[in-house]
């Protein structure tokens, strides 16, 4: 891992993910998590203050970056439920089958290289009837914005830690064997190629 990925990128990701419109999105979806929760892409722990502690008995916080995990550990000091940190990619998820009531992903599916395997692993650890709660940015509905996303994406992906601007989030979730129960989508304030959001819940078919 180079200097950029180890020392610069974690702080850039933290700053980008902390902008106010994205935090308002987190506030909408994170309290939906309940029971034993796996958060895929814990990052710097920005979601931690939004969990409903009365509904969460255990949280596994998964992130492949040790630097991001260190940042999240500081955030976790203020929560009342048990948090276990796992510094691995979701494709190498070490948890037992059917162990989680909820899997939460926020602004994470854009960065995962093997999205098909990742969704299989998410489905594996979810209990029957368990929920995938998601909030992601992705492909925009407007043709002109989609053109910008396609044009910018190769450079954006290199500097943004693998982040893709134009993934079809609902399509990928459904292709991964999930049925979307409820979803909303709209532009949130900010740079439009990175600000079309999809959020909702899904169950594995």
C-alpha atoms as a PDB file:
ATOM      1  CA  UNK A   1       0.000   0.000   0.000  1.00  0.00           C
ATOM      2  CA  UNK A   2       1.413   3.362  -1.045  1.00  0.00           C
ATOM      3  CA  UNK A   3       1.602   6.669   0.801  1.00  0.00           C
ATOM      4  CA  UNK A   4      -1.563   7.980  -0.880  1.00  0.00           C
ATOM      5  CA  UNK A   5      -3.720   4.953   0.026  1.00  0.00           C
ATOM      6  CA  UNK A   6      -2.371   4.737   3.589  1.00  0.00           C
ATOM      7  CA  UNK A   7      -2.225   8.360   4.712  1.00  0.00           C
ATOM      8  CA  UNK A   8      -4.120  10.613   2.292  1.00  0.00           C
ATOM      9  CA  UNK A   9      -7.059   8.593   0.945  1.00  0.00           C
ATOM     10  CA  UNK A  10      -8.608   7.722   4.364  1.00  0.00           C
ATOM     11  CA  UNK A  11      -8.825  11.403   5.272  1.00  0.00           C
ATOM     12  CA  UNK A  12     -10.222  12.336   1.851  1.00  0.00           C
ATOM     13  CA  UNK A  13     -12.885   9.634   2.100  1.00  0.00           C
ATOM     14  CA  UNK A  14     -13.794  10.716   5.621  1.00  0.00           C
ATOM     15  CA  UNK A  15     -14.163  14.356   4.549  1.00  0.00           C
ATOM     16  CA  UNK A  16     -16.177  13.514   1.418  1.00  0.00           C
ATOM     17  CA  UNK A  17     -18.539  11.149   3.243  1.00  0.00           C
ATOM     18  CA  UNK A  18     -19.103  13.617   6.068  1.00  0.00           C
ATOM     19  CA  UNK A  19     -20.757  16.361   4.008  1.00  0.00           C
ATOM     20  CA  UNK A  20     -24.098  17.373   5.429  1.00  0.00           C
ATOM     21  CA  UNK A  21     -26.464  15.961   2.767  1.00  0.00           C
ATOM     22  CA  UNK A  22     -24.860  12.510   3.058  1.00  0.00           C
ATOM     23  CA  UNK A  23     -25.092  12.657   6.833  1.00  0.00           C
ATOM     24  CA  UNK A  24     -28.807  13.418   6.543  1.00  0.00           C
ATOM     25  CA  UNK A  25     -29.137  10.296   4.403  1.00  0.00           C
ATOM     26  CA  UNK A  26     -27.377   8.237   7.065  1.00  0.00           C
ATOM     27  CA  UNK A  27     -29.804   9.603   9.627  1.00  0.00           C
ATOM     28  CA  UNK A  28     -32.685   8.183   7.558  1.00  0.00           C
ATOM     29  CA  UNK A  29     -31.429   4.624   7.104  1.00  0.00           C
ATOM     30  CA  UNK A  30     -29.097   3.676   9.954  1.00  0.00           C
ATOM     31  CA  UNK A  31     -31.865   3.582  12.633  1.00  0.00           C
ATOM     32  CA  UNK A  32     -33.591   0.852  10.574  1.00  0.00           C
ATOM     33  CA  UNK A  33     -30.856  -1.606  11.588  1.00  0.00           C
ATOM     34  CA  UNK A  34     -31.788  -3.986  14.386  1.00  0.00           C
ATOM     35  CA  UNK A  35     -30.584  -7.056  16.251  1.00  0.00           C
ATOM     36  CA  UNK A  36     -27.167  -8.385  15.311  1.00  0.00           C
ATOM     37  CA  UNK A  37     -25.913  -6.025  12.607  1.00  0.00           C
ATOM     38  CA  UNK A  38     -23.130  -6.269  10.052  1.00  0.00           C
ATOM     39  CA  UNK A  39     -22.052  -2.931   8.632  1.00  0.00           C
ATOM     40  CA  UNK A  40     -20.163  -3.457   5.374  1.00  0.00           C
ATOM     41  CA  UNK A  41     -17.841  -0.538   4.708  1.00  0.00           C
ATOM     42  CA  UNK A  42     -17.697   0.865   8.228  1.00  0.00           C
ATOM     43  CA  UNK A  43     -15.191   3.489   7.098  1.00  0.00           C
ATOM     44  CA  UNK A  44     -14.393   6.071   9.757  1.00  0.00           C
ATOM     45  CA  UNK A  45     -17.514   5.191  11.749  1.00  0.00           C
ATOM     46  CA  UNK A  46     -19.761   8.009  10.551  1.00  0.00           C
ATOM     47  CA  UNK A  47     -22.872   5.825  10.949  1.00  0.00           C
ATOM     48  CA  UNK A  48     -22.212   4.907  14.575  1.00  0.00           C
ATOM     49  CA  UNK A  49     -24.040   7.862  16.194  1.00  0.00           C
ATOM     50  CA  UNK A  50     -27.207   7.075  14.203  1.00  0.00           C
ATOM     51  CA  UNK A  51     -27.799   3.513  15.385  1.00  0.00           C
ATOM     52  CA  UNK A  52     -30.773   3.045  17.698  1.00  0.00           C
ATOM     53  CA  UNK A  53     -29.010   1.487  20.682  1.00  0.00           C
ATOM     54  CA  UNK A  54     -32.308   0.105  21.986  1.00  0.00           C
ATOM     55  CA  UNK A  55     -32.628  -2.035  18.840  1.00  0.00           C
ATOM     56  CA  UNK A  56     -29.004  -3.166  18.303  1.00  0.00           C
ATOM     57  CA  UNK A  57     -27.475  -5.974  20.354  1.00  0.00           C
ATOM     58  CA  UNK A  58     -24.216  -6.402  18.405  1.00  0.00           C
ATOM     59  CA  UNK A  59     -22.420  -4.661  15.555  1.00  0.00           C
ATOM     60  CA  UNK A  60     -19.723  -6.109  13.348  1.00  0.00           C
ATOM     61  CA  UNK A  61     -17.941  -3.243  11.614  1.00  0.00           C
ATOM     62  CA  UNK A  62     -16.216  -4.442   8.451  1.00  0.00           C
ATOM     63  CA  UNK A  63     -13.699  -2.401   6.476  1.00  0.00           C
ATOM     64  CA  UNK A  64     -10.581  -3.465   4.534  1.00  0.00           C
ATOM     65  CA  UNK A  65      -8.630  -0.364   5.600  1.00  0.00           C
ATOM     66  CA  UNK A  66      -6.840  -0.563   8.983  1.00  0.00           C
ATOM     67  CA  UNK A  67      -6.502   3.225   8.874  1.00  0.00           C
ATOM     68  CA  UNK A  68     -10.278   3.669   8.592  1.00  0.00           C
ATOM     69  CA  UNK A  69     -10.852   1.120  11.375  1.00  0.00           C
ATOM     70  CA  UNK A  70      -8.610   3.174  13.680  1.00  0.00           C
ATOM     71  CA  UNK A  71     -10.736   6.234  12.996  1.00  0.00           C
ATOM     72  CA  UNK A  72     -13.931   4.250  13.652  1.00  0.00           C
ATOM     73  CA  UNK A  73     -12.609   2.920  16.977  1.00  0.00           C
ATOM     74  CA  UNK A  74     -12.638   6.475  18.346  1.00  0.00           C
ATOM     75  CA  UNK A  75     -16.256   6.949  17.253  1.00  0.00           C
ATOM     76  CA  UNK A  76     -17.225   3.639  18.870  1.00  0.00           C
ATOM     77  CA  UNK A  77     -16.155   4.844  22.313  1.00  0.00           C
ATOM     78  CA  UNK A  78     -19.427   6.758  22.594  1.00  0.00           C
ATOM     79  CA  UNK A  79     -21.853   3.914  21.764  1.00  0.00           C
ATOM     80  CA  UNK A  80     -23.466   1.614  24.319  1.00  0.00           C
ATOM     81  CA  UNK A  81     -23.666  -1.601  22.277  1.00  0.00           C
ATOM     82  CA  UNK A  82     -20.910  -4.105  21.521  1.00  0.00           C
ATOM     83  CA  UNK A  83     -18.839  -3.300  18.410  1.00  0.00           C
ATOM     84  CA  UNK A  84     -16.430  -5.809  16.881  1.00  0.00           C
ATOM     85  CA  UNK A  85     -14.090  -4.515  14.179  1.00  0.00           C
ATOM     86  CA  UNK A  86     -13.078  -6.683  11.217  1.00  0.00           C
ATOM     87  CA  UNK A  87     -10.351  -5.340   8.923  1.00  0.00           C
ATOM     88  CA  UNK A  88     -11.118  -7.438   5.840  1.00  0.00           C
ATOM     89  CA  UNK A  89     -12.933  -6.999   2.523  1.00  0.00           C
ATOM     90  CA  UNK A  90     -16.494  -8.301   2.364  1.00  0.00           C
ATOM     91  CA  UNK A  91     -15.387 -10.937  -0.146  1.00  0.00           C
ATOM     92  CA  UNK A  92     -13.443 -12.541   2.734  1.00  0.00           C
ATOM     93  CA  UNK A  93     -16.206 -12.238   5.320  1.00  0.00           C
ATOM     94  CA  UNK A  94     -15.308 -14.524   8.286  1.00  0.00           C
ATOM     95  CA  UNK A  95     -18.748 -14.587   9.946  1.00  0.00           C
ATOM     96  CA  UNK A  96     -20.951 -17.651  10.313  1.00  0.00           C
ATOM     97  CA  UNK A  97     -23.901 -18.306   8.021  1.00  0.00           C
ATOM     98  CA  UNK A  98     -27.263 -16.884   9.180  1.00  0.00           C
ATOM     99  CA  UNK A  99     -25.739 -14.817  11.981  1.00  0.00           C
ATOM    100  CA  UNK A 100     -27.018 -11.302  11.195  1.00  0.00           C
ATOM    101  CA  UNK A 101     -30.476  -9.784  11.438  1.00  0.00           C
ATOM    102  CA  UNK A 102     -29.461  -6.730   9.406  1.00  0.00           C
ATOM    103  CA  UNK A 103     -26.693  -5.853   6.965  1.00  0.00           C
ATOM    104  CA  UNK A 104     -26.127  -2.131   6.460  1.00  0.00           C
ATOM    105  CA  UNK A 105     -24.271  -0.639   3.488  1.00  0.00           C
ATOM    106  CA  UNK A 106     -23.903   3.105   2.994  1.00  0.00           C
ATOM    107  CA  UNK A 107     -21.819   4.558   0.170  1.00  0.00           C
ATOM    108  CA  UNK A 108     -19.928   1.269  -0.110  1.00  0.00           C
ATOM    109  CA  UNK A 109     -21.253  -0.787  -3.042  1.00  0.00           C
ATOM    110  CA  UNK A 110     -19.619   1.749  -5.379  1.00  0.00           C
ATOM    111  CA  UNK A 111     -16.140   0.632  -4.272  1.00  0.00           C
ATOM    112  CA  UNK A 112     -16.375  -3.172  -4.088  1.00  0.00           C
ATOM    113  CA  UNK A 113     -14.535  -4.836  -6.969  1.00  0.00           C
ATOM    114  CA  UNK A 114     -16.366  -8.186  -6.947  1.00  0.00           C
ATOM    115  CA  UNK A 115     -19.892  -6.982  -6.248  1.00  0.00           C
ATOM    116  CA  UNK A 116     -21.457 -10.342  -7.150  1.00  0.00           C
ATOM    117  CA  UNK A 117     -19.375 -12.209  -4.564  1.00  0.00           C
ATOM    118  CA  UNK A 118     -19.943  -9.470  -2.008  1.00  0.00           C
ATOM    119  CA  UNK A 119     -23.725  -9.762  -2.319  1.00  0.00           C
ATOM    120  CA  UNK A 120     -23.501 -13.550  -2.060  1.00  0.00           C
ATOM    121  CA  UNK A 121     -21.594 -13.173   1.189  1.00  0.00           C
ATOM    122  CA  UNK A 122     -24.114 -10.648   2.482  1.00  0.00           C
ATOM    123  CA  UNK A 123     -26.943 -13.073   1.654  1.00  0.00           C
ATOM    124  CA  UNK A 124     -25.043 -15.906   3.348  1.00  0.00           C
ATOM    125  CA  UNK A 125     -24.687 -14.170   6.697  1.00  0.00           C
ATOM    126  CA  UNK A 126     -28.243 -12.800   6.792  1.00  0.00           C
ATOM    127  CA  UNK A 127     -30.769 -14.841   8.742  1.00  0.00           C
ATOM    128  CA  UNK A 128     -33.877 -15.940   6.861  1.00  0.00           C
ATOM    129  CA  UNK A 129     -36.087 -12.871   6.717  1.00  0.00           C
ATOM    130  CA  UNK A 130     -33.157 -10.586   7.547  1.00  0.00           C
ATOM    131  CA  UNK A 131     -32.845  -7.189   5.883  1.00  0.00           C
ATOM    132  CA  UNK A 132     -30.272  -5.461   3.732  1.00  0.00           C
ATOM    133  CA  UNK A 133     -30.495  -1.729   4.485  1.00  0.00           C
ATOM    134  CA  UNK A 134     -28.765   0.413   1.890  1.00  0.00           C
ATOM    135  CA  UNK A 135     -28.007   4.005   0.923  1.00  0.00           C
ATOM    136  CA  UNK A 136     -25.773   4.430  -2.109  1.00  0.00           C
ATOM    137  CA  UNK A 137     -24.956   6.860  -4.881  1.00  0.00           C
ATOM    138  CA  UNK A 138     -25.095   5.568  -8.433  1.00  0.00           C
ATOM    139  CA  UNK A 139     -26.112   5.983 -12.027  1.00  0.00           C
ATOM    140  CA  UNK A 140     -28.215   9.090 -12.605  1.00  0.00           C
ATOM    141  CA  UNK A 141     -31.546   9.152 -14.466  1.00  0.00           C
ATOM    142  CA  UNK A 142     -30.548  12.079 -16.721  1.00  0.00           C
ATOM    143  CA  UNK A 143     -28.685  11.298 -19.933  1.00  0.00           C
ATOM    144  CA  UNK A 144     -26.382  14.310 -19.703  1.00  0.00           C
ATOM    145  CA  UNK A 145     -25.340  13.441 -16.136  1.00  0.00           C
ATOM    146  CA  UNK A 146     -24.809   9.802 -17.135  1.00  0.00           C
ATOM    147  CA  UNK A 147     -22.458  10.972 -19.902  1.00  0.00           C
ATOM    148  CA  UNK A 148     -20.452  12.943 -17.357  1.00  0.00           C
ATOM    149  CA  UNK A 149     -20.360   9.946 -15.024  1.00  0.00           C
ATOM    150  CA  UNK A 150     -19.059   7.685 -17.792  1.00  0.00           C
ATOM    151  CA  UNK A 151     -16.441  10.214 -18.886  1.00  0.00           C
ATOM    152  CA  UNK A 152     -15.140  11.010 -15.408  1.00  0.00           C
ATOM    153  CA  UNK A 153     -15.379   7.558 -13.868  1.00  0.00           C
ATOM    154  CA  UNK A 154     -11.956   6.130 -14.893  1.00  0.00           C
ATOM    155  CA  UNK A 155     -10.085   9.015 -13.232  1.00  0.00           C
ATOM    156  CA  UNK A 156     -12.507   9.256 -10.322  1.00  0.00           C
ATOM    157  CA  UNK A 157     -12.074   5.554  -9.592  1.00  0.00           C
ATOM    158  CA  UNK A 158      -8.279   5.887  -9.409  1.00  0.00           C
ATOM    159  CA  UNK A 159      -8.261   8.832  -7.021  1.00  0.00           C
ATOM    160  CA  UNK A 160     -11.339   7.769  -5.026  1.00  0.00           C
ATOM    161  CA  UNK A 161     -10.251   4.393  -3.726  1.00  0.00           C
ATOM    162  CA  UNK A 162     -12.128   2.395  -6.354  1.00  0.00           C
ATOM    163  CA  UNK A 163     -15.346   4.428  -6.151  1.00  0.00           C
ATOM    164  CA  UNK A 164     -17.532   4.117  -9.259  1.00  0.00           C
ATOM    165  CA  UNK A 165     -19.898   6.959 -10.097  1.00  0.00           C
ATOM    166  CA  UNK A 166     -22.286   5.076 -12.366  1.00  0.00           C
ATOM    167  CA  UNK A 167     -23.220   1.722 -10.856  1.00  0.00           C
ATOM    168  CA  UNK A 168     -26.821   0.588 -11.237  1.00  0.00           C
ATOM    169  CA  UNK A 169     -27.445   0.080  -7.540  1.00  0.00           C
ATOM    170  CA  UNK A 170     -30.975  -1.384  -7.620  1.00  0.00           C
ATOM    171  CA  UNK A 171     -30.064  -3.570 -10.593  1.00  0.00           C
ATOM    172  CA  UNK A 172     -26.995  -4.942  -8.836  1.00  0.00           C
ATOM    173  CA  UNK A 173     -28.927  -5.639  -5.628  1.00  0.00           C
ATOM    174  CA  UNK A 174     -31.618  -7.516  -7.540  1.00  0.00           C
ATOM    175  CA  UNK A 175     -29.054  -9.428  -9.608  1.00  0.00           C
ATOM    176  CA  UNK A 176     -27.485 -10.465  -6.298  1.00  0.00           C
ATOM    177  CA  UNK A 177     -30.655 -12.354  -5.411  1.00  0.00           C
ATOM    178  CA  UNK A 178     -32.398  -9.705  -3.323  1.00  0.00           C
ATOM    179  CA  UNK A 179     -35.924  -8.339  -3.593  1.00  0.00           C
ATOM    180  CA  UNK A 180     -36.167  -4.611  -2.913  1.00  0.00           C
ATOM    181  CA  UNK A 181     -39.007  -4.009  -0.438  1.00  0.00           C
ATOM    182  CA  UNK A 182     -38.975  -0.240  -0.534  1.00  0.00           C
ATOM    183  CA  UNK A 183     -36.677   2.278  -2.187  1.00  0.00           C
ATOM    184  CA  UNK A 184     -36.468   5.993  -2.805  1.00  0.00           C
ATOM    185  CA  UNK A 185     -34.138   7.776  -5.204  1.00  0.00           C
ATOM    186  CA  UNK A 186     -33.246  11.405  -5.800  1.00  0.00           C
ATOM    187  CA  UNK A 187     -30.394  13.877  -6.177  1.00  0.00           C
ATOM    188  CA  UNK A 188     -29.092  15.120  -2.861  1.00  0.00           C
ATOM    189  CA  UNK A 189     -27.349  18.533  -2.763  1.00  0.00           C
ATOM    190  CA  UNK A 190     -23.848  18.514  -4.207  1.00  0.00           C
ATOM    191  CA  UNK A 191     -21.936  17.663  -7.362  1.00  0.00           C
ATOM    192  CA  UNK A 192     -24.561  15.923  -9.479  1.00  0.00           C
ATOM    193  CA  UNK A 193     -22.434  13.108 -10.991  1.00  0.00           C
ATOM    194  CA  UNK A 194     -21.825  11.824  -7.442  1.00  0.00           C
ATOM    195  CA  UNK A 195     -25.104  12.780  -5.800  1.00  0.00           C
ATOM    196  CA  UNK A 196     -27.913  10.646  -7.201  1.00  0.00           C
ATOM    197  CA  UNK A 197     -28.870   8.501  -4.203  1.00  0.00           C
ATOM    198  CA  UNK A 198     -30.791   5.250  -3.826  1.00  0.00           C
ATOM    199  CA  UNK A 199     -31.902   4.133  -0.371  1.00  0.00           C
ATOM    200  CA  UNK A 200     -34.191   1.492   1.060  1.00  0.00           C
ATOM    201  CA  UNK A 201     -34.384  -2.103   2.249  1.00  0.00           C
ATOM    202  CA  UNK A 202     -34.211  -5.526   0.581  1.00  0.00           C
ATOM    203  CA  UNK A 203     -34.567  -9.176   1.544  1.00  0.00           C
ATOM    204  CA  UNK A 204     -32.876 -12.181   0.003  1.00  0.00           C
ATOM    205  CA  UNK A 205     -35.146 -14.231  -2.241  1.00  0.00           C
END
